[in-house]
């Protein structure tokens, strides 16, 4: 039996290449597509305000339960009440500052 000794640098480079191959080959489908290659039509929005408050109810006076910064993305529902779009259970944000993303069905 023959013992092979590899320099540390060769092992590190080989390991890095192997890690990139594993990550690349196990990556999921690109965003906006499904396993079958169809476009995902779930409503998704992008924030257009510098800071956007997320409120517990569709009311400008309702308790703030979170904030989004400019350019943030979020899944959203199709429900809009009093100028607020529902983002989830007890999570509403002003629809004026939410832009539906291309190819998404936001009603």
PDB file of N, CA and C in Angstrom:
ATOM      1  N   UNK A   1       0.837  -1.156   0.000  1.00  0.00           N
ATOM      2  CA  UNK A   1       0.000   0.000   0.000  1.00  0.00           C
ATOM      3  C   UNK A   1       0.893   1.233   0.000  1.00  0.00           C
ATOM      4  N   UNK A   2       0.452   2.243  -0.735  1.00  0.00           N
ATOM      5  CA  UNK A   2       1.253   3.446  -0.931  1.00  0.00           C
ATOM      6  C   UNK A   2       0.625   4.607  -0.182  1.00  0.00           C
ATOM      7  N   UNK A   3       1.392   5.299   0.641  1.00  0.00           N
ATOM      8  CA  UNK A   3       0.898   6.480   1.347  1.00  0.00           C
ATOM      9  C   UNK A   3       1.167   7.713   0.496  1.00  0.00           C
ATOM     10  N   UNK A   4       0.129   8.529   0.293  1.00  0.00           N
ATOM     11  CA  UNK A   4       0.267   9.760  -0.481  1.00  0.00           C
ATOM     12  C   UNK A   4       0.081  10.928   0.474  1.00  0.00           C
ATOM     13  N   UNK A   5       1.022  11.841   0.451  1.00  0.00           N
ATOM     14  CA  UNK A   5       0.957  13.012   1.305  1.00  0.00           C
ATOM     15  C   UNK A   5       0.749  14.229   0.400  1.00  0.00           C
ATOM     16  N   UNK A   6      -0.356  14.940   0.636  1.00  0.00           N
ATOM     17  CA  UNK A   6      -0.657  16.127  -0.161  1.00  0.00           C
ATOM     18  C   UNK A   6      -0.381  17.368   0.668  1.00  0.00           C
ATOM     19  N   UNK A   7       0.130  18.398   0.017  1.00  0.00           N
ATOM     20  CA  UNK A   7       0.362  19.648   0.751  1.00  0.00           C
ATOM     21  C   UNK A   7      -0.960  20.246   1.241  1.00  0.00           C
ATOM     22  N   UNK A   8      -0.902  20.960   2.347  1.00  0.00           N
ATOM     23  CA  UNK A   8      -2.085  21.563   2.959  1.00  0.00           C
ATOM     24  C   UNK A   8      -2.826  22.468   1.967  1.00  0.00           C
ATOM     25  N   UNK A   9      -2.099  23.234   1.179  1.00  0.00           N
ATOM     26  CA  UNK A   9      -2.699  24.157   0.205  1.00  0.00           C
ATOM     27  C   UNK A   9      -3.528  23.389  -0.821  1.00  0.00           C
ATOM     28  N   UNK A  10      -3.048  22.272  -1.297  1.00  0.00           N
ATOM     29  CA  UNK A  10      -3.775  21.459  -2.275  1.00  0.00           C
ATOM     30  C   UNK A  10      -5.068  20.935  -1.668  1.00  0.00           C
ATOM     31  N   UNK A  11      -5.027  20.497  -0.425  1.00  0.00           N
ATOM     32  CA  UNK A  11      -6.230  20.013   0.249  1.00  0.00           C
ATOM     33  C   UNK A  11      -7.255  21.129   0.423  1.00  0.00           C
ATOM     34  N   UNK A  12      -6.815  22.336   0.794  1.00  0.00           N
ATOM     35  CA  UNK A  12      -7.727  23.452   0.973  1.00  0.00           C
ATOM     36  C   UNK A  12      -8.390  23.857  -0.347  1.00  0.00           C
ATOM     37  N   UNK A  13      -7.611  23.937  -1.413  1.00  0.00           N
ATOM     38  CA  UNK A  13      -8.166  24.309  -2.722  1.00  0.00           C
ATOM     39  C   UNK A  13      -9.134  23.238  -3.205  1.00  0.00           C
ATOM     40  N   UNK A  14      -8.731  21.972  -3.085  1.00  0.00           N
ATOM     41  CA  UNK A  14      -9.610  20.870  -3.500  1.00  0.00           C
ATOM     42  C   UNK A  14     -10.902  20.845  -2.702  1.00  0.00           C
ATOM     43  N   UNK A  15     -10.805  21.085  -1.402  1.00  0.00           N
ATOM     44  CA  UNK A  15     -11.997  21.123  -0.556  1.00  0.00           C
ATOM     45  C   UNK A  15     -12.919  22.275  -0.929  1.00  0.00           C
ATOM     46  N   UNK A  16     -12.341  23.431  -1.229  1.00  0.00           N
ATOM     47  CA  UNK A  16     -13.135  24.594  -1.642  1.00  0.00           C
ATOM     48  C   UNK A  16     -13.873  24.336  -2.942  1.00  0.00           C
ATOM     49  N   UNK A  17     -13.182  23.733  -3.902  1.00  0.00           N
ATOM     50  CA  UNK A  17     -13.821  23.400  -5.183  1.00  0.00           C
ATOM     51  C   UNK A  17     -14.944  22.401  -4.967  1.00  0.00           C
ATOM     52  N   UNK A  18     -14.707  21.402  -4.157  1.00  0.00           N
ATOM     53  CA  UNK A  18     -15.739  20.399  -3.863  1.00  0.00           C
ATOM     54  C   UNK A  18     -16.952  21.045  -3.192  1.00  0.00           C
ATOM     55  N   UNK A  19     -16.721  21.971  -2.266  1.00  0.00           N
ATOM     56  CA  UNK A  19     -17.826  22.650  -1.582  1.00  0.00           C
ATOM     57  C   UNK A  19     -18.667  23.456  -2.567  1.00  0.00           C
ATOM     58  N   UNK A  20     -18.017  24.152  -3.514  1.00  0.00           N
ATOM     59  CA  UNK A  20     -18.745  24.924  -4.522  1.00  0.00           C
ATOM     60  C   UNK A  20     -19.585  23.995  -5.388  1.00  0.00           C
ATOM     61  N   UNK A  21     -19.054  22.870  -5.770  1.00  0.00           N
ATOM     62  CA  UNK A  21     -19.790  21.910  -6.594  1.00  0.00           C
ATOM     63  C   UNK A  21     -21.013  21.383  -5.844  1.00  0.00           C
ATOM     64  N   UNK A  22     -20.838  21.048  -4.579  1.00  0.00           N
ATOM     65  CA  UNK A  22     -21.953  20.525  -3.782  1.00  0.00           C
ATOM     66  C   UNK A  22     -23.047  21.582  -3.634  1.00  0.00           C
ATOM     67  N   UNK A  23     -22.679  22.822  -3.305  1.00  0.00           N
ATOM     68  CA  UNK A  23     -23.669  23.882  -3.142  1.00  0.00           C
ATOM     69  C   UNK A  23     -24.386  24.145  -4.467  1.00  0.00           C
ATOM     70  N   UNK A  24     -23.654  24.221  -5.551  1.00  0.00           N
ATOM     71  CA  UNK A  24     -24.246  24.494  -6.862  1.00  0.00           C
ATOM     72  C   UNK A  24     -25.202  23.382  -7.286  1.00  0.00           C
ATOM     73  N   UNK A  25     -24.811  22.144  -7.087  1.00  0.00           N
ATOM     74  CA  UNK A  25     -25.646  21.028  -7.541  1.00  0.00           C
ATOM     75  C   UNK A  25     -26.859  20.800  -6.655  1.00  0.00           C
ATOM     76  N   UNK A  26     -26.829  21.284  -5.417  1.00  0.00           N
ATOM     77  CA  UNK A  26     -27.969  21.072  -4.529  1.00  0.00           C
ATOM     78  C   UNK A  26     -28.851  22.306  -4.403  1.00  0.00           C
ATOM     79  N   UNK A  27     -28.566  23.338  -5.201  1.00  0.00           N
ATOM     80  CA  UNK A  27     -29.376  24.557  -5.102  1.00  0.00           C
ATOM     81  C   UNK A  27     -30.799  24.288  -5.565  1.00  0.00           C
ATOM     82  N   UNK A  28     -31.728  25.070  -5.000  1.00  0.00           N
ATOM     83  CA  UNK A  28     -33.134  24.915  -5.326  1.00  0.00           C
ATOM     84  C   UNK A  28     -33.440  25.639  -6.620  1.00  0.00           C
ATOM     85  N   UNK A  29     -34.673  25.464  -7.087  1.00  0.00           N
ATOM     86  CA  UNK A  29     -35.127  26.151  -8.283  1.00  0.00           C
ATOM     87  C   UNK A  29     -35.017  27.653  -8.069  1.00  0.00           C
ATOM     88  N   UNK A  30     -34.801  28.428  -9.132  1.00  0.00           N
ATOM     89  CA  UNK A  30     -34.683  29.874  -8.983  1.00  0.00           C
ATOM     90  C   UNK A  30     -35.951  30.496  -8.412  1.00  0.00           C
ATOM     91  N   UNK A  31     -35.822  31.630  -7.708  1.00  0.00           N
ATOM     92  CA  UNK A  31     -37.004  32.281  -7.154  1.00  0.00           C
ATOM     93  C   UNK A  31     -38.005  32.606  -8.261  1.00  0.00           C
ATOM     94  N   UNK A  32     -39.295  32.455  -7.940  1.00  0.00           N
ATOM     95  CA  UNK A  32     -40.321  32.759  -8.915  1.00  0.00           C
ATOM     96  C   UNK A  32     -40.691  31.591  -9.789  1.00  0.00           C
ATOM     97  N   UNK A  33     -40.077  30.425  -9.567  1.00  0.00           N
ATOM     98  CA  UNK A  33     -40.446  29.265 -10.350  1.00  0.00           C
ATOM     99  C   UNK A  33     -40.759  28.111  -9.417  1.00  0.00           C
ATOM    100  N   UNK A  34     -41.448  27.126  -9.945  1.00  0.00           N
ATOM    101  CA  UNK A  34     -41.783  25.955  -9.163  1.00  0.00           C
ATOM    102  C   UNK A  34     -41.005  24.775  -9.700  1.00  0.00           C
ATOM    103  N   UNK A  35     -41.141  23.631  -9.066  1.00  0.00           N
ATOM    104  CA  UNK A  35     -40.426  22.428  -9.494  1.00  0.00           C
ATOM    105  C   UNK A  35     -40.714  22.095 -10.957  1.00  0.00           C
ATOM    106  N   UNK A  36     -41.904  22.426 -11.437  1.00  0.00           N
ATOM    107  CA  UNK A  36     -42.277  22.095 -12.812  1.00  0.00           C
ATOM    108  C   UNK A  36     -41.884  23.184 -13.795  1.00  0.00           C
ATOM    109  N   UNK A  37     -41.244  24.262 -13.297  1.00  0.00           N
ATOM    110  CA  UNK A  37     -40.795  25.323 -14.174  1.00  0.00           C
ATOM    111  C   UNK A  37     -41.843  26.399 -14.422  1.00  0.00           C
ATOM    112  N   UNK A  38     -43.000  26.306 -13.784  1.00  0.00           N
ATOM    113  CA  UNK A  38     -44.037  27.317 -13.958  1.00  0.00           C
ATOM    114  C   UNK A  38     -43.716  28.525 -13.086  1.00  0.00           C
ATOM    115  N   UNK A  39     -44.209  29.686 -13.478  1.00  0.00           N
ATOM    116  CA  UNK A  39     -44.000  30.897 -12.696  1.00  0.00           C
ATOM    117  C   UNK A  39     -44.853  30.865 -11.441  1.00  0.00           C
ATOM    118  N   UNK A  40     -44.273  31.297 -10.327  1.00  0.00           N
ATOM    119  CA  UNK A  40     -44.995  31.379  -9.063  1.00  0.00           C
ATOM    120  C   UNK A  40     -45.801  32.672  -9.069  1.00  0.00           C
ATOM    121  N   UNK A  41     -47.106  32.575  -8.907  1.00  0.00           N
ATOM    122  CA  UNK A  41     -47.955  33.755  -8.973  1.00  0.00           C
ATOM    123  C   UNK A  41     -48.378  34.252  -7.598  1.00  0.00           C
ATOM    124  N   UNK A  42     -47.815  33.711  -6.525  1.00  0.00           N
ATOM    125  CA  UNK A  42     -48.118  34.186  -5.183  1.00  0.00           C
ATOM    126  C   UNK A  42     -47.749  35.665  -5.102  1.00  0.00           C
ATOM    127  N   UNK A  43     -48.591  36.443  -4.442  1.00  0.00           N
ATOM    128  CA  UNK A  43     -48.325  37.872  -4.333  1.00  0.00           C
ATOM    129  C   UNK A  43     -47.034  38.109  -3.543  1.00  0.00           C
ATOM    130  N   UNK A  44     -46.163  38.912  -4.113  1.00  0.00           N
ATOM    131  CA  UNK A  44     -44.920  39.329  -3.457  1.00  0.00           C
ATOM    132  C   UNK A  44     -44.746  40.803  -3.783  1.00  0.00           C
ATOM    133  N   UNK A  45     -44.383  41.577  -2.787  1.00  0.00           N
ATOM    134  CA  UNK A  45     -44.285  43.024  -2.945  1.00  0.00           C
ATOM    135  C   UNK A  45     -42.908  43.533  -2.535  1.00  0.00           C
ATOM    136  N   UNK A  46     -42.582  44.725  -3.055  1.00  0.00           N
ATOM    137  CA  UNK A  46     -41.332  45.394  -2.706  1.00  0.00           C
ATOM    138  C   UNK A  46     -41.682  46.736  -2.057  1.00  0.00           C
ATOM    139  N   UNK A  47     -40.956  47.093  -1.016  1.00  0.00           N
ATOM    140  CA  UNK A  47     -41.184  48.330  -0.275  1.00  0.00           C
ATOM    141  C   UNK A  47     -40.560  49.501  -1.035  1.00  0.00           C
ATOM    142  N   UNK A  48     -41.345  50.586  -1.219  1.00  0.00           N
ATOM    143  CA  UNK A  48     -40.863  51.768  -1.930  1.00  0.00           C
ATOM    144  C   UNK A  48     -40.618  52.961  -1.004  1.00  0.00           C
ATOM    145  N   UNK A  49     -40.915  52.826   0.275  1.00  0.00           N
ATOM    146  CA  UNK A  49     -40.679  53.902   1.251  1.00  0.00           C
ATOM    147  C   UNK A  49     -39.332  53.677   1.937  1.00  0.00           C
ATOM    148  N   UNK A  50     -38.748  54.756   2.470  1.00  0.00           N
ATOM    149  CA  UNK A  50     -37.489  54.620   3.217  1.00  0.00           C
ATOM    150  C   UNK A  50     -37.665  53.660   4.388  1.00  0.00           C
ATOM    151  N   UNK A  51     -38.746  53.845   5.146  1.00  0.00           N
ATOM    152  CA  UNK A  51     -39.105  52.950   6.250  1.00  0.00           C
ATOM    153  C   UNK A  51     -40.617  52.791   6.207  1.00  0.00           C
ATOM    154  N   UNK A  52     -41.092  51.560   6.255  1.00  0.00           N
ATOM    155  CA  UNK A  52     -42.521  51.281   6.201  1.00  0.00           C
ATOM    156  C   UNK A  52     -42.940  50.525   7.454  1.00  0.00           C
ATOM    157  N   UNK A  53     -43.896  51.081   8.184  1.00  0.00           N
ATOM    158  CA  UNK A  53     -44.402  50.430   9.390  1.00  0.00           C
ATOM    159  C   UNK A  53     -45.333  49.275   9.030  1.00  0.00           C
ATOM    160  N   UNK A  54     -45.200  48.192   9.759  1.00  0.00           N
ATOM    161  CA  UNK A  54     -46.128  47.066   9.658  1.00  0.00           C
ATOM    162  C   UNK A  54     -46.996  47.143  10.905  1.00  0.00           C
ATOM    163  N   UNK A  55     -48.306  47.127  10.694  1.00  0.00           N
ATOM    164  CA  UNK A  55     -49.241  47.347  11.797  1.00  0.00           C
ATOM    165  C   UNK A  55     -50.091  46.110  12.059  1.00  0.00           C
ATOM    166  N   UNK A  56     -50.668  46.054  13.244  1.00  0.00           N
ATOM    167  CA  UNK A  56     -51.464  44.915  13.675  1.00  0.00           C
ATOM    168  C   UNK A  56     -52.836  44.895  12.994  1.00  0.00           C
ATOM    169  N   UNK A  57     -53.268  46.035  12.441  1.00  0.00           N
ATOM    170  CA  UNK A  57     -54.584  46.141  11.798  1.00  0.00           C
ATOM    171  C   UNK A  57     -54.488  47.139  10.643  1.00  0.00           C
ATOM    172  N   UNK A  58     -55.446  47.120   9.726  1.00  0.00           N
ATOM    173  CA  UNK A  58     -55.430  48.042   8.589  1.00  0.00           C
ATOM    174  C   UNK A  58     -55.891  49.445   8.973  1.00  0.00           C
ATOM    175  N   UNK A  59     -55.107  50.086   9.821  1.00  0.00           N
ATOM    176  CA  UNK A  59     -55.455  51.401  10.351  1.00  0.00           C
ATOM    177  C   UNK A  59     -54.153  52.124  10.694  1.00  0.00           C
ATOM    178  N   UNK A  60     -54.024  53.374  10.250  1.00  0.00           N
ATOM    179  CA  UNK A  60     -52.814  54.159  10.509  1.00  0.00           C
ATOM    180  C   UNK A  60     -52.531  54.386  11.978  1.00  0.00           C
ATOM    181  N   UNK A  61     -53.537  54.207  12.838  1.00  0.00           N
ATOM    182  CA  UNK A  61     -53.341  54.379  14.274  1.00  0.00           C
ATOM    183  C   UNK A  61     -53.085  53.079  15.006  1.00  0.00           C
ATOM    184  N   UNK A  62     -53.097  51.952  14.274  1.00  0.00           N
ATOM    185  CA  UNK A  62     -52.904  50.642  14.904  1.00  0.00           C
ATOM    186  C   UNK A  62     -51.454  50.468  15.361  1.00  0.00           C
ATOM    187  N   UNK A  63     -51.269  49.599  16.326  1.00  0.00           N
ATOM    188  CA  UNK A  63     -49.942  49.309  16.891  1.00  0.00           C
ATOM    189  C   UNK A  63     -48.967  48.859  15.801  1.00  0.00           C
ATOM    190  N   UNK A  64     -47.750  49.391  15.851  1.00  0.00           N
ATOM    191  CA  UNK A  64     -46.679  48.998  14.933  1.00  0.00           C
ATOM    192  C   UNK A  64     -46.030  47.728  15.470  1.00  0.00           C
ATOM    193  N   UNK A  65     -45.989  46.675  14.620  1.00  0.00           N
ATOM    194  CA  UNK A  65     -45.420  45.394  15.047  1.00  0.00           C
ATOM    195  C   UNK A  65     -44.149  45.035  14.281  1.00  0.00           C
ATOM    196  N   UNK A  66     -43.733  45.924  13.374  1.00  0.00           N
ATOM    197  CA  UNK A  66     -42.517  45.682  12.614  1.00  0.00           C
ATOM    198  C   UNK A  66     -42.263  46.826  11.650  1.00  0.00           C
ATOM    199  N   UNK A  67     -41.123  46.773  10.989  1.00  0.00           N
ATOM    200  CA  UNK A  67     -40.756  47.805  10.012  1.00  0.00           C
ATOM    201  C   UNK A  67     -40.013  47.146   8.857  1.00  0.00           C
ATOM    202  N   UNK A  68     -40.171  47.743   7.679  1.00  0.00           N
ATOM    203  CA  UNK A  68     -39.417  47.332   6.501  1.00  0.00           C
ATOM    204  C   UNK A  68     -38.612  48.525   6.016  1.00  0.00           C
ATOM    205  N   UNK A  69     -37.470  48.268   5.440  1.00  0.00           N
ATOM    206  CA  UNK A  69     -36.654  49.319   4.835  1.00  0.00           C
ATOM    207  C   UNK A  69     -36.867  49.316   3.321  1.00  0.00           C
ATOM    208  N   UNK A  70     -36.473  50.379   2.669  1.00  0.00           N
ATOM    209  CA  UNK A  70     -36.566  50.541   1.223  1.00  0.00           C
ATOM    210  C   UNK A  70     -35.965  49.337   0.504  1.00  0.00           C
ATOM    211  N   UNK A  71     -36.720  48.782  -0.429  1.00  0.00           N
ATOM    212  CA  UNK A  71     -36.234  47.658  -1.227  1.00  0.00           C
ATOM    213  C   UNK A  71     -36.505  46.290  -0.630  1.00  0.00           C
ATOM    214  N   UNK A  72     -36.993  46.239   0.614  1.00  0.00           N
ATOM    215  CA  UNK A  72     -37.303  44.947   1.240  1.00  0.00           C
ATOM    216  C   UNK A  72     -38.427  44.268   0.463  1.00  0.00           C
ATOM    217  N   UNK A  73     -38.440  42.955   0.479  1.00  0.00           N
ATOM    218  CA  UNK A  73     -39.480  42.179  -0.191  1.00  0.00           C
ATOM    219  C   UNK A  73     -40.238  41.363   0.841  1.00  0.00           C
ATOM    220  N   UNK A  74     -41.527  41.118   0.536  1.00  0.00           N
ATOM    221  CA  UNK A  74     -42.353  40.331   1.439  1.00  0.00           C
ATOM    222  C   UNK A  74     -43.440  39.627   0.653  1.00  0.00           C
ATOM    223  N   UNK A  75     -43.803  38.434   1.110  1.00  0.00           N
ATOM    224  CA  UNK A  75     -45.003  37.803   0.589  1.00  0.00           C
ATOM    225  C   UNK A  75     -46.175  38.618   1.109  1.00  0.00           C
ATOM    226  N   UNK A  76     -47.264  38.626   0.362  1.00  0.00           N
ATOM    227  CA  UNK A  76     -48.426  39.400   0.769  1.00  0.00           C
ATOM    228  C   UNK A  76     -49.686  38.709   0.297  1.00  0.00           C
ATOM    229  N   UNK A  77     -50.799  39.081   0.910  1.00  0.00           N
ATOM    230  CA  UNK A  77     -52.086  38.580   0.480  1.00  0.00           C
ATOM    231  C   UNK A  77     -52.693  39.516  -0.549  1.00  0.00           C
ATOM    232  N   UNK A  78     -53.812  39.117  -1.108  1.00  0.00           N
ATOM    233  CA  UNK A  78     -54.509  39.948  -2.079  1.00  0.00           C
ATOM    234  C   UNK A  78     -55.469  40.919  -1.403  1.00  0.00           C
ATOM    235  N   UNK A  79     -55.669  40.760  -0.090  1.00  0.00           N
ATOM    236  CA  UNK A  79     -56.619  41.588   0.646  1.00  0.00           C
ATOM    237  C   UNK A  79     -56.059  42.981   0.898  1.00  0.00           C
ATOM    238  N   UNK A  80     -56.836  44.000   0.495  1.00  0.00           N
ATOM    239  CA  UNK A  80     -56.497  45.394   0.759  1.00  0.00           C
ATOM    240  C   UNK A  80     -57.710  46.035   1.429  1.00  0.00           C
ATOM    241  N   UNK A  81     -57.492  46.651   2.606  1.00  0.00           N
ATOM    242  CA  UNK A  81     -58.561  47.330   3.349  1.00  0.00           C
ATOM    243  C   UNK A  81     -58.050  48.684   3.815  1.00  0.00           C
ATOM    244  N   UNK A  82     -58.868  49.711   3.650  1.00  0.00           N
ATOM    245  CA  UNK A  82     -58.511  51.055   4.115  1.00  0.00           C
ATOM    246  C   UNK A  82     -57.133  51.507   3.628  1.00  0.00           C
ATOM    247  N   UNK A  83     -56.718  51.041   2.447  1.00  0.00           N
ATOM    248  CA  UNK A  83     -55.418  51.424   1.907  1.00  0.00           C
ATOM    249  C   UNK A  83     -54.248  50.636   2.465  1.00  0.00           C
ATOM    250  N   UNK A  84     -54.529  49.535   3.181  1.00  0.00           N
ATOM    251  CA  UNK A  84     -53.484  48.679   3.747  1.00  0.00           C
ATOM    252  C   UNK A  84     -53.576  47.288   3.138  1.00  0.00           C
ATOM    253  N   UNK A  85     -52.425  46.703   2.784  1.00  0.00           N
ATOM    254  CA  UNK A  85     -52.382  45.337   2.253  1.00  0.00           C
ATOM    255  C   UNK A  85     -52.019  44.388   3.381  1.00  0.00           C
ATOM    256  N   UNK A  86     -52.719  43.277   3.440  1.00  0.00           N
ATOM    257  CA  UNK A  86     -52.431  42.270   4.462  1.00  0.00           C
ATOM    258  C   UNK A  86     -51.188  41.488   4.062  1.00  0.00           C
ATOM    259  N   UNK A  87     -50.236  41.417   4.999  1.00  0.00           N
ATOM    260  CA  UNK A  87     -48.989  40.681   4.769  1.00  0.00           C
ATOM    261  C   UNK A  87     -49.006  39.333   5.472  1.00  0.00           C
ATOM    262  N   UNK A  88     -49.862  39.190   6.464  1.00  0.00           N
ATOM    263  CA  UNK A  88     -49.966  37.961   7.240  1.00  0.00           C
ATOM    264  C   UNK A  88     -50.971  38.169   8.354  1.00  0.00           C
ATOM    265  N   UNK A  89     -51.027  37.219   9.277  1.00  0.00           N
ATOM    266  CA  UNK A  89     -51.930  37.357  10.418  1.00  0.00           C
ATOM    267  C   UNK A  89     -51.506  38.560  11.261  1.00  0.00           C
ATOM    268  N   UNK A  90     -52.427  39.513  11.422  1.00  0.00           N
ATOM    269  CA  UNK A  90     -52.180  40.722  12.208  1.00  0.00           C
ATOM    270  C   UNK A  90     -50.947  41.475  11.722  1.00  0.00           C
ATOM    271  N   UNK A  91     -50.750  41.501  10.392  1.00  0.00           N
ATOM    272  CA  UNK A  91     -49.626  42.220   9.781  1.00  0.00           C
ATOM    273  C   UNK A  91     -50.142  42.939   8.540  1.00  0.00           C
ATOM    274  N   UNK A  92     -50.185  44.261   8.613  1.00  0.00           N
ATOM    275  CA  UNK A  92     -50.695  45.101   7.544  1.00  0.00           C
ATOM    276  C   UNK A  92     -49.712  46.237   7.274  1.00  0.00           C
ATOM    277  N   UNK A  93     -49.606  46.655   5.996  1.00  0.00           N
ATOM    278  CA  UNK A  93     -48.748  47.785   5.644  1.00  0.00           C
ATOM    279  C   UNK A  93     -49.450  48.612   4.569  1.00  0.00           C
ATOM    280  N   UNK A  94     -49.153  49.891   4.539  1.00  0.00           N
ATOM    281  CA  UNK A  94     -49.777  50.798   3.587  1.00  0.00           C
ATOM    282  C   UNK A  94     -49.486  50.334   2.159  1.00  0.00           C
ATOM    283  N   UNK A  95     -50.554  50.088   1.401  1.00  0.00           N
ATOM    284  CA  UNK A  95     -50.382  49.602   0.024  1.00  0.00           C
ATOM    285  C   UNK A  95     -49.773  50.671  -0.873  1.00  0.00           C
ATOM    286  N   UNK A  96     -49.844  51.938  -0.451  1.00  0.00           N
ATOM    287  CA  UNK A  96     -49.250  53.042  -1.214  1.00  0.00           C
ATOM    288  C   UNK A  96     -47.742  52.850  -1.387  1.00  0.00           C
ATOM    289  N   UNK A  97     -47.111  52.175  -0.427  1.00  0.00           N
ATOM    290  CA  UNK A  97     -45.653  52.011  -0.441  1.00  0.00           C
ATOM    291  C   UNK A  97     -45.224  50.570  -0.713  1.00  0.00           C
ATOM    292  N   UNK A  98     -46.130  49.786  -1.286  1.00  0.00           N
ATOM    293  CA  UNK A  98     -45.829  48.398  -1.657  1.00  0.00           C
ATOM    294  C   UNK A  98     -46.068  48.222  -3.154  1.00  0.00           C
ATOM    295  N   UNK A  99     -45.042  47.831  -3.890  1.00  0.00           N
ATOM    296  CA  UNK A  99     -45.154  47.623  -5.321  1.00  0.00           C
ATOM    297  C   UNK A  99     -45.157  46.127  -5.608  1.00  0.00           C
ATOM    298  N   UNK A 100     -46.220  45.617  -6.244  1.00  0.00           N
ATOM    299  CA  UNK A 100     -46.233  44.189  -6.611  1.00  0.00           C
ATOM    300  C   UNK A 100     -45.058  43.883  -7.544  1.00  0.00           C
ATOM    301  N   UNK A 101     -44.404  42.781  -7.323  1.00  0.00           N
ATOM    302  CA  UNK A 101     -43.256  42.405  -8.138  1.00  0.00           C
ATOM    303  C   UNK A 101     -43.732  41.808  -9.465  1.00  0.00           C
ATOM    304  N   UNK A 102     -42.934  41.953 -10.482  1.00  0.00           N
ATOM    305  CA  UNK A 102     -43.272  41.489 -11.828  1.00  0.00           C
ATOM    306  C   UNK A 102     -43.629  40.011 -11.829  1.00  0.00           C
ATOM    307  N   UNK A 103     -44.699  39.694 -12.531  1.00  0.00           N
ATOM    308  CA  UNK A 103     -45.116  38.303 -12.673  1.00  0.00           C
ATOM    309  C   UNK A 103     -45.876  37.743 -11.480  1.00  0.00           C
ATOM    310  N   UNK A 104     -46.168  38.570 -10.493  1.00  0.00           N
ATOM    311  CA  UNK A 104     -46.860  38.122  -9.300  1.00  0.00           C
ATOM    312  C   UNK A 104     -48.301  38.601  -9.329  1.00  0.00           C
ATOM    313  N   UNK A 105     -49.224  37.754  -8.867  1.00  0.00           N
ATOM    314  CA  UNK A 105     -50.638  38.066  -8.854  1.00  0.00           C
ATOM    315  C   UNK A 105     -51.018  38.631  -7.486  1.00  0.00           C
ATOM    316  N   UNK A 106     -51.137  39.939  -7.419  1.00  0.00           N
ATOM    317  CA  UNK A 106     -51.509  40.586  -6.159  1.00  0.00           C
ATOM    318  C   UNK A 106     -52.933  41.124  -6.198  1.00  0.00           C
ATOM    319  N   UNK A 107     -53.689  40.673  -7.194  1.00  0.00           N
ATOM    320  CA  UNK A 107     -55.106  41.025  -7.291  1.00  0.00           C
ATOM    321  C   UNK A 107     -55.275  42.417  -7.644  1.00  0.00           C
TER     322      UNK A 107
END
